[in-house]
N, C-alpha and C. Protein backbone atom coordinates (compact mmCIF):
# COMPACT_ATOMS: atom_id res chain seq x y z
N MET A 1 21.67 2.56 8.68
CA MET A 1 20.68 1.41 9.12
C MET A 1 20.35 0.70 7.78
N ARG A 2 20.10 -0.61 7.77
CA ARG A 2 19.82 -1.44 6.65
C ARG A 2 18.38 -1.97 6.84
N HIS A 3 17.84 -2.15 5.65
CA HIS A 3 16.54 -2.55 5.35
C HIS A 3 16.58 -3.86 4.57
N ILE A 4 15.58 -4.89 4.88
CA ILE A 4 15.51 -6.06 4.24
C ILE A 4 14.09 -6.36 3.97
N THR A 5 13.86 -7.20 2.98
CA THR A 5 12.55 -7.58 2.56
C THR A 5 12.61 -9.21 2.81
N LEU A 6 11.53 -9.45 3.48
CA LEU A 6 11.49 -11.03 3.65
C LEU A 6 10.12 -11.44 3.18
N HIS A 7 10.05 -12.52 2.48
CA HIS A 7 8.90 -13.29 2.35
C HIS A 7 8.63 -14.36 3.30
N ILE A 8 7.59 -14.43 4.12
CA ILE A 8 7.15 -15.40 5.07
C ILE A 8 5.71 -15.96 4.83
N PRO A 9 5.83 -17.26 4.88
CA PRO A 9 4.56 -17.99 4.65
C PRO A 9 3.56 -17.46 5.80
N GLU A 10 2.21 -17.46 5.29
CA GLU A 10 1.13 -16.74 5.99
C GLU A 10 1.06 -17.51 7.27
N ASN A 11 1.16 -18.95 7.35
CA ASN A 11 1.11 -19.52 8.47
C ASN A 11 2.08 -19.40 9.45
N LYS A 12 3.21 -18.97 9.08
CA LYS A 12 4.30 -18.58 10.12
C LYS A 12 4.58 -17.15 10.39
N TYR A 13 3.72 -16.23 9.90
CA TYR A 13 3.83 -14.82 9.95
C TYR A 13 3.86 -14.33 11.40
N SER A 14 2.77 -14.65 12.18
CA SER A 14 2.61 -14.19 13.36
C SER A 14 3.72 -14.40 14.33
N PHE A 15 4.13 -15.75 14.14
CA PHE A 15 5.33 -16.16 15.05
C PHE A 15 6.62 -15.44 14.81
N PHE A 16 6.84 -15.22 13.41
CA PHE A 16 8.00 -14.68 12.91
C PHE A 16 7.89 -13.25 13.59
N ILE A 17 6.90 -12.41 13.51
CA ILE A 17 6.85 -11.08 13.90
C ILE A 17 7.12 -10.99 15.41
N GLU A 18 6.51 -11.83 16.22
CA GLU A 18 6.70 -11.95 17.62
C GLU A 18 8.01 -12.18 18.01
N LEU A 19 8.71 -13.15 17.11
CA LEU A 19 10.32 -13.37 17.38
C LEU A 19 11.02 -12.11 17.22
N LEU A 20 10.73 -11.25 16.35
CA LEU A 20 11.41 -9.95 15.91
C LEU A 20 11.35 -9.09 16.78
N LYS A 21 10.04 -8.95 17.43
CA LYS A 21 9.88 -8.03 18.56
C LYS A 21 10.60 -8.04 19.73
N ASN A 22 11.04 -9.40 20.01
CA ASN A 22 12.06 -9.70 21.08
C ASN A 22 13.32 -9.08 21.10
N PHE A 23 13.65 -8.70 19.83
CA PHE A 23 15.00 -8.05 19.78
C PHE A 23 14.99 -6.49 19.74
N ASP A 24 15.68 -5.85 20.77
CA ASP A 24 15.53 -4.54 20.97
C ASP A 24 16.16 -3.69 19.92
N TYR A 25 17.11 -4.13 18.98
CA TYR A 25 17.69 -3.61 18.01
C TYR A 25 16.95 -3.73 16.55
N VAL A 26 15.75 -4.41 16.60
CA VAL A 26 15.17 -4.52 15.27
C VAL A 26 13.70 -3.85 15.44
N LYS A 27 13.48 -2.98 14.50
CA LYS A 27 12.23 -2.08 14.51
C LYS A 27 11.18 -2.86 13.32
N VAL A 28 10.27 -3.31 13.65
CA VAL A 28 9.17 -3.91 12.88
C VAL A 28 8.26 -2.72 12.30
N GLU A 29 8.06 -2.76 11.07
CA GLU A 29 7.10 -1.78 10.39
C GLU A 29 6.35 -2.58 9.54
N GLU A 30 5.23 -3.09 9.74
CA GLU A 30 4.38 -4.09 8.93
C GLU A 30 3.58 -3.13 8.02
N ASN A 31 3.84 -3.40 6.61
CA ASN A 31 3.22 -2.73 5.62
C ASN A 31 3.14 -3.88 4.46
N GLU A 32 1.95 -4.55 4.63
CA GLU A 32 1.78 -5.57 3.67
C GLU A 32 1.92 -5.23 2.31
N MET A 33 1.40 -4.06 1.78
CA MET A 33 1.38 -3.69 0.34
C MET A 33 2.89 -3.08 -0.04
N GLY A 34 3.49 -2.60 0.74
CA GLY A 34 4.67 -1.94 0.59
C GLY A 34 4.35 -0.67 -0.16
N ILE A 35 3.41 0.00 0.00
CA ILE A 35 3.10 1.32 -0.33
C ILE A 35 3.50 2.46 0.55
N PRO A 36 4.32 3.22 0.00
CA PRO A 36 4.72 4.54 0.88
C PRO A 36 3.65 5.21 1.31
N GLU A 37 3.62 5.79 2.30
CA GLU A 37 2.45 6.60 3.02
C GLU A 37 2.22 7.63 2.05
N GLU A 38 3.28 8.44 1.51
CA GLU A 38 3.11 9.60 0.65
C GLU A 38 2.29 9.43 -0.50
N HIS A 39 2.40 8.09 -0.94
CA HIS A 39 1.63 7.62 -2.23
C HIS A 39 0.21 7.48 -1.74
N LYS A 40 -0.03 6.80 -0.66
CA LYS A 40 -1.39 6.50 -0.19
C LYS A 40 -2.06 7.96 0.08
N ASN A 41 -1.36 8.92 0.55
CA ASN A 41 -1.96 10.38 0.66
C ASN A 41 -2.25 11.05 -0.66
N ILE A 42 -1.37 10.70 -1.57
CA ILE A 42 -1.87 11.31 -3.07
C ILE A 42 -3.06 10.70 -3.43
N VAL A 43 -3.26 9.42 -3.24
CA VAL A 43 -4.49 8.65 -3.66
C VAL A 43 -5.70 9.11 -2.93
N ARG A 44 -5.49 9.32 -1.52
CA ARG A 44 -6.60 9.81 -0.84
C ARG A 44 -7.08 11.08 -1.21
N GLN A 45 -6.20 12.01 -1.60
CA GLN A 45 -6.53 13.41 -2.14
C GLN A 45 -7.31 13.42 -3.30
N ARG A 46 -6.81 12.43 -4.19
CA ARG A 46 -7.50 12.42 -5.65
C ARG A 46 -8.76 11.69 -5.38
N MET A 47 -9.06 10.85 -4.43
CA MET A 47 -10.37 10.38 -4.22
C MET A 47 -11.26 11.43 -3.55
N LYS A 48 -10.82 12.18 -2.78
CA LYS A 48 -11.64 13.31 -2.29
C LYS A 48 -12.04 14.25 -3.27
N ALA A 49 -11.06 14.67 -4.19
CA ALA A 49 -11.17 15.62 -5.42
C ALA A 49 -12.43 14.97 -6.16
N SER A 50 -12.28 13.57 -6.43
CA SER A 50 -13.39 13.02 -7.31
C SER A 50 -14.73 12.98 -6.56
N GLU A 51 -14.85 12.71 -5.44
CA GLU A 51 -16.02 12.87 -4.49
C GLU A 51 -16.60 14.16 -4.49
N ALA A 52 -15.83 15.13 -4.51
CA ALA A 52 -16.22 16.67 -4.58
C ALA A 52 -16.72 17.01 -6.00
N ASP A 53 -16.07 16.46 -7.11
CA ASP A 53 -16.41 16.74 -8.43
C ASP A 53 -16.58 15.47 -9.27
N PRO A 54 -17.76 14.66 -9.24
CA PRO A 54 -17.91 13.54 -9.88
C PRO A 54 -17.73 13.56 -11.48
N SER A 55 -17.49 14.83 -12.08
CA SER A 55 -17.10 14.91 -13.47
C SER A 55 -15.80 14.43 -13.82
N ARG A 56 -14.95 14.28 -12.78
CA ARG A 56 -13.53 13.98 -12.86
C ARG A 56 -13.47 12.31 -13.23
N ARG A 57 -14.49 11.61 -12.93
CA ARG A 57 -14.32 10.25 -13.04
C ARG A 57 -14.88 9.74 -14.45
N LEU A 58 -14.23 8.54 -14.78
CA LEU A 58 -14.55 7.77 -15.93
C LEU A 58 -15.27 6.41 -15.64
N ASN A 59 -16.14 6.14 -16.40
CA ASN A 59 -16.69 4.65 -16.07
C ASN A 59 -15.72 3.83 -16.89
N TRP A 60 -15.80 2.50 -16.65
CA TRP A 60 -14.53 1.48 -17.18
C TRP A 60 -14.55 1.50 -18.51
N ASP A 61 -15.63 1.74 -19.26
CA ASP A 61 -15.44 1.55 -20.76
C ASP A 61 -14.95 2.94 -21.38
N GLU A 62 -15.12 4.15 -20.86
CA GLU A 62 -14.33 5.22 -21.17
C GLU A 62 -12.87 5.18 -20.75
N ALA A 63 -12.56 4.56 -19.62
CA ALA A 63 -11.15 4.66 -19.28
C ALA A 63 -10.52 3.49 -20.19
N LYS A 64 -11.03 2.34 -20.42
CA LYS A 64 -10.38 1.49 -21.36
C LYS A 64 -10.19 1.90 -22.74
N ARG A 65 -11.02 2.75 -23.24
CA ARG A 65 -11.25 3.17 -24.44
C ARG A 65 -9.85 4.24 -24.63
N LYS A 66 -9.65 5.09 -23.44
CA LYS A 66 -8.50 5.99 -23.52
C LYS A 66 -7.05 5.12 -23.34
N ILE A 67 -7.13 4.07 -22.54
CA ILE A 67 -5.87 3.38 -22.64
C ILE A 67 -5.60 2.80 -23.90
N GLN A 68 -6.53 2.53 -24.52
CA GLN A 68 -6.20 1.63 -25.94
C GLN A 68 -5.84 2.54 -26.95
N LEU A 69 -5.95 3.87 -26.76
CA LEU A 69 -5.72 4.77 -27.72
C LEU A 69 -4.16 4.92 -28.09
């Protein structure tokens, strides 16, 4: 199976998706950001851990200072 990436103008997107859905050999998987589900799950787990333990969080000034080191 082959995968392709297309860039469709916003005003033509709905039409294009409906057109593709008419082909029985084409599988349409919409994912605007292109972020794999496994990566999303990692972020969700980290968010839950931070909610459970707020000491894991950094405010923006602290984070910026760490990045600049």
